[in-house]
C-alpha atoms as a PDB file:
ATOM      1  CA  GLY A   1       0.000   0.000   0.000  1.00  0.00           C
ATOM      2  CA  ASN A   2       0.928   3.630  -0.451  1.00  0.00           C
ATOM      3  CA  ASN A   3       0.375   6.856   1.435  1.00  0.00           C
ATOM      4  CA  VAL A   4      -1.035   9.336  -1.091  1.00  0.00           C
ATOM      5  CA  SER A   5      -0.856  13.038  -0.210  1.00  0.00           C
ATOM      6  CA  HIS A   6      -3.023  15.880  -1.539  1.00  0.00           C
ATOM      7  CA  ALA A   7      -0.310  16.560  -4.120  1.00  0.00           C
ATOM      8  CA  ASN A   8      -0.686  12.898  -5.184  1.00  0.00           C
ATOM      9  CA  ASN A   9       2.800  11.989  -3.949  1.00  0.00           C
ATOM     10  CA  LYS A  10       3.015   8.268  -3.320  1.00  0.00           C
ATOM     11  CA  THR A  11       5.265   6.825  -0.611  1.00  0.00           C
ATOM     12  CA  LYS A  12       5.397   3.274   0.660  1.00  0.00           C
ATOM     13  CA  ARG A  13       3.250   2.681   3.736  1.00  0.00           C
ATOM     14  CA  VAL A  14       5.118   1.380   6.802  1.00  0.00           C
ATOM     15  CA  TRP A  15       3.009  -1.053   8.837  1.00  0.00           C
ATOM     16  CA  ASN A  16       3.939  -0.829  12.500  1.00  0.00           C
ATOM     17  CA  PRO A  17       2.737  -3.525  14.877  1.00  0.00           C
ATOM     18  CA  ASN A  18       0.331  -2.032  17.398  1.00  0.00           C
ATOM     19  CA  LEU A  19       1.884  -3.546  20.525  1.00  0.00           C
ATOM     20  CA  GLN A  20       0.527  -2.964  24.018  1.00  0.00           C
ATOM     21  CA  ARG A  21       1.858  -4.358  27.315  1.00  0.00           C
ATOM     22  CA  VAL A  22      -0.950  -6.172  29.099  1.00  0.00           C
ATOM     23  CA  ARG A  23      -0.947  -7.494  32.666  1.00  0.00           C
ATOM     24  CA  HIS A  24      -2.370 -10.996  32.699  1.00  0.00           C
ATOM     25  CA  MET A  25      -3.200 -13.008  35.820  1.00  0.00           C
ATOM     26  CA  ASP A  26      -1.994 -16.573  35.350  1.00  0.00           C
ATOM     27  CA  GLY A  27      -2.680 -18.918  38.259  1.00  0.00           C
ATOM     28  CA  GLY A  28      -2.147 -16.276  40.961  1.00  0.00           C
ATOM     29  CA  ARG A  29       0.905 -14.612  39.396  1.00  0.00           C
ATOM     30  CA  VAL A  30       0.969 -11.622  37.062  1.00  0.00           C
ATOM     31  CA  ARG A  31       2.518 -12.010  33.634  1.00  0.00           C
ATOM     32  CA  HIS A  32       3.325  -9.129  31.287  1.00  0.00           C
ATOM     33  CA  VAL A  33       2.347 -10.026  27.735  1.00  0.00           C
ATOM     34  CA  ASN A  34       2.882  -8.039  24.542  1.00  0.00           C
ATOM     35  CA  VAL A  35      -0.428  -8.020  22.673  1.00  0.00           C
ATOM     36  CA  CYS A  36      -1.038  -6.816  19.119  1.00  0.00           C
ATOM     37  CA  THR A  37      -4.500  -5.256  18.719  1.00  0.00           C
ATOM     38  CA  ARG A  38      -4.778  -6.255  15.052  1.00  0.00           C
END
């Protein structure tokens, strides 16, 4: 995919992973897990 500006300039789109640190209770202990929302 491309980003297309108002002047119709096309640049390659950079897809960044949408990572969020989530605290997750696992059998009485807390684990930090990286979760992608996509």
